[in-house]
N, C-alpha and C. Protein backbone atom coordinates (compact mmCIF):
# COMPACT_ATOMS: atom_id res chain seq x y z
N UNK A 1 47.44 -43.05 159.30
CA UNK A 1 48.94 -43.37 159.14
C UNK A 1 49.43 -41.97 158.94
N UNK A 2 51.00 -41.69 159.43
CA UNK A 2 50.99 -40.30 159.30
C UNK A 2 52.98 -40.16 158.55
N UNK A 3 52.96 -39.78 157.74
CA UNK A 3 54.02 -40.14 157.67
C UNK A 3 54.94 -38.79 157.17
N UNK A 4 56.49 -39.23 158.05
CA UNK A 4 56.79 -37.49 158.50
C UNK A 4 58.19 -37.13 157.38
N UNK A 5 58.49 -36.44 156.34
CA UNK A 5 59.75 -36.55 155.95
C UNK A 5 61.08 -35.52 156.77
N UNK A 6 62.07 -35.80 156.62
CA UNK A 6 62.67 -35.36 156.88
C UNK A 6 63.92 -35.10 155.54
N UNK A 7 64.89 -33.82 156.26
CA UNK A 7 66.20 -33.77 154.76
C UNK A 7 66.81 -34.45 155.62
N UNK A 8 68.03 -35.51 155.64
CA UNK A 8 69.37 -36.02 155.51
C UNK A 8 70.14 -35.28 154.93
N UNK A 9 71.48 -35.33 155.94
CA UNK A 9 72.61 -34.83 155.22
C UNK A 9 73.77 -36.43 155.64
N UNK A 10 74.21 -36.87 154.26
CA UNK A 10 75.09 -37.64 154.66
C UNK A 10 76.41 -37.35 154.29
N UNK A 11 77.47 -38.10 155.11
CA UNK A 11 78.66 -38.06 154.70
C UNK A 11 79.21 -38.99 154.52
N UNK A 12 81.31 -39.20 153.76
CA UNK A 12 81.68 -40.07 153.27
C UNK A 12 82.96 -40.12 154.26
N UNK A 13 83.53 -39.75 155.07
CA UNK A 13 85.14 -39.59 155.87
C UNK A 13 85.78 -41.06 154.84
N UNK A 14 87.32 -40.56 155.04
CA UNK A 14 87.97 -41.94 154.39
C UNK A 14 89.68 -41.23 154.60
N UNK A 15 90.46 -42.31 154.71
CA UNK A 15 91.36 -41.66 155.42
C UNK A 15 92.41 -42.78 155.81
N UNK A 16 93.59 -42.74 156.21
CA UNK A 16 94.57 -43.85 156.58
C UNK A 16 94.02 -44.34 158.05
N UNK A 17 94.45 -45.46 158.33
CA UNK A 17 94.43 -45.81 159.81
C UNK A 17 94.63 -45.47 161.11
N UNK A 18 96.07 -44.25 160.38
CA UNK A 18 96.71 -43.38 161.61
C UNK A 18 95.37 -42.91 162.02
N UNK A 19 94.31 -42.15 161.13
CA UNK A 19 93.47 -40.91 161.55
C UNK A 19 92.09 -41.32 161.81
N UNK A 20 91.97 -43.01 161.88
CA UNK A 20 90.91 -43.38 161.81
C UNK A 20 89.97 -42.72 163.02
N UNK A 21 90.71 -42.59 164.33
CA UNK A 21 90.09 -42.05 165.72
C UNK A 21 89.32 -40.62 165.39
N UNK A 22 89.86 -40.20 164.87
CA UNK A 22 89.43 -38.73 164.69
C UNK A 22 88.18 -38.78 163.99
N UNK A 23 88.22 -39.61 162.65
CA UNK A 23 86.22 -39.26 162.47
C UNK A 23 85.16 -39.80 162.74
N UNK A 24 85.70 -40.32 164.23
CA UNK A 24 84.11 -40.60 165.30
C UNK A 24 84.16 -39.61 166.06
N UNK A 25 84.91 -39.17 166.18
CA UNK A 25 84.99 -37.57 166.86
C UNK A 25 84.71 -36.21 166.74
N UNK A 26 84.87 -36.41 164.83
CA UNK A 26 84.43 -35.75 164.18
C UNK A 26 83.04 -35.82 163.63
N UNK A 27 82.08 -36.71 163.86
CA UNK A 27 80.81 -37.15 163.84
C UNK A 27 80.56 -36.73 164.92
N UNK A 28 80.73 -37.08 166.45
CA UNK A 28 79.86 -36.53 167.79
C UNK A 28 79.88 -35.27 167.93
N UNK A 29 80.98 -34.28 167.34
CA UNK A 29 81.04 -32.93 167.76
C UNK A 29 80.02 -32.22 166.29
N UNK A 30 79.49 -32.95 165.20
CA UNK A 30 78.71 -32.26 164.60
C UNK A 30 77.94 -32.70 163.75
N UNK A 31 77.17 -33.86 165.43
CA UNK A 31 75.62 -34.31 164.96
C UNK A 31 75.57 -35.49 164.15
N UNK A 32 76.68 -36.06 163.51
CA UNK A 32 76.30 -37.22 162.70
C UNK A 32 76.32 -38.46 163.44
N UNK A 33 75.65 -39.18 163.35
CA UNK A 33 75.87 -40.61 163.46
C UNK A 33 75.79 -41.37 162.40
N UNK A 34 77.16 -42.54 162.83
CA UNK A 34 77.92 -43.47 161.97
C UNK A 34 76.74 -44.73 161.49
N UNK A 35 76.89 -44.50 160.17
CA UNK A 35 75.45 -45.96 160.24
C UNK A 35 76.49 -46.73 159.39
N UNK A 36 77.64 -46.53 159.17
CA UNK A 36 78.07 -47.74 158.06
C UNK A 36 79.96 -47.59 158.23
N UNK A 37 80.69 -48.59 158.66
CA UNK A 37 82.32 -48.59 158.73
C UNK A 37 82.17 -49.82 157.33
N UNK A 38 83.34 -48.83 157.17
CA UNK A 38 84.14 -50.50 156.38
C UNK A 38 85.44 -50.34 155.98
N UNK A 39 86.30 -51.24 155.89
CA UNK A 39 87.62 -51.07 155.82
C UNK A 39 88.22 -50.70 154.45
N UNK A 40 89.68 -50.04 153.99
CA UNK A 40 89.38 -49.77 152.58
C UNK A 40 90.92 -50.96 152.23
N UNK A 41 91.00 -51.59 151.36
CA UNK A 41 91.99 -52.85 151.02
C UNK A 41 92.19 -52.34 149.76
N UNK A 42 93.48 -51.16 149.97
CA UNK A 42 94.42 -50.08 149.16
C UNK A 42 95.07 -50.21 148.52
N UNK A 43 96.03 -50.98 149.19
CA UNK A 43 97.37 -51.78 149.53
C UNK A 43 97.90 -52.51 148.23
N UNK A 44 98.38 -51.99 147.09
CA UNK A 44 98.00 -52.89 145.10
C UNK A 44 99.24 -53.83 145.59
N UNK A 45 100.33 -53.57 146.70
CA UNK A 45 101.29 -54.71 146.68
C UNK A 45 100.68 -55.62 146.87
N UNK A 46 99.89 -55.13 148.95
CA UNK A 46 99.21 -56.35 149.05
C UNK A 46 98.12 -56.75 149.35
N UNK A 47 97.08 -56.66 148.34
CA UNK A 47 95.82 -57.05 148.41
C UNK A 47 95.38 -57.32 149.22
N UNK A 48 95.27 -57.85 150.25
CA UNK A 48 94.73 -58.54 151.38
C UNK A 48 94.82 -57.31 153.12
N UNK A 49 96.09 -56.33 152.48
CA UNK A 49 95.91 -55.63 153.61
C UNK A 49 95.26 -54.54 154.08
N UNK A 50 94.62 -54.17 155.28
CA UNK A 50 93.77 -53.06 155.58
C UNK A 50 94.68 -51.83 155.86
N UNK A 51 94.46 -50.59 154.41
CA UNK A 51 95.25 -49.45 154.89
C UNK A 51 94.17 -48.58 154.92
N UNK A 52 93.01 -48.38 154.84
CA UNK A 52 92.54 -47.25 155.26
C UNK A 52 91.47 -47.83 155.44
N UNK A 53 89.92 -46.68 156.18
CA UNK A 53 88.52 -46.82 156.13
C UNK A 53 87.78 -46.10 155.08
N UNK A 54 86.86 -46.63 155.88
CA UNK A 54 85.84 -45.18 155.07
C UNK A 54 84.13 -45.26 156.27
N UNK A 55 84.09 -44.27 156.57
CA UNK A 55 83.07 -44.47 157.62
C UNK A 55 81.59 -43.31 157.00
N UNK A 56 80.78 -43.99 156.87
CA UNK A 56 79.06 -43.13 156.40
C UNK A 56 78.73 -42.82 157.70
N UNK A 57 78.06 -41.66 157.50
CA UNK A 57 77.37 -40.92 158.79
C UNK A 57 76.70 -39.90 158.45
N UNK A 58 75.24 -39.61 159.10
CA UNK A 58 74.18 -38.93 158.89
C UNK A 58 74.04 -38.21 159.59
N UNK A 59 72.95 -37.17 159.38
CA UNK A 59 72.05 -36.18 160.16
C UNK A 59 70.63 -36.23 159.95
N UNK A 60 70.13 -35.86 160.32
CA UNK A 60 68.92 -35.12 159.95
C UNK A 60 68.84 -33.78 160.44
N UNK A 61 68.54 -32.98 159.07
CA UNK A 61 68.87 -31.42 159.29
C UNK A 61 67.41 -30.73 159.12
N UNK A 62 67.27 -29.53 158.94
CA UNK A 62 65.83 -28.37 158.45
C UNK A 62 65.78 -28.48 157.18
N UNK A 63 64.17 -29.27 157.17
CA UNK A 63 63.34 -29.33 155.99
C UNK A 63 63.43 -27.90 155.22
N UNK A 64 64.10 -27.68 154.24
CA UNK A 64 63.52 -26.40 153.54
C UNK A 64 61.95 -26.53 152.99
């Protein structure tokens, strides 16, 4: 059995729905792969309304 340890850099990107399309572009341009996408229900007046997003992305980095 061989175990390889790798260092992972993880980021969370949050924003309004208008900014959503920019987030995957940023991830690709910077070598991140998206591992999770969540809607954000942050509208106090309309609790079920999706007003934003959260994307979690990660990439392997050089081990120090």
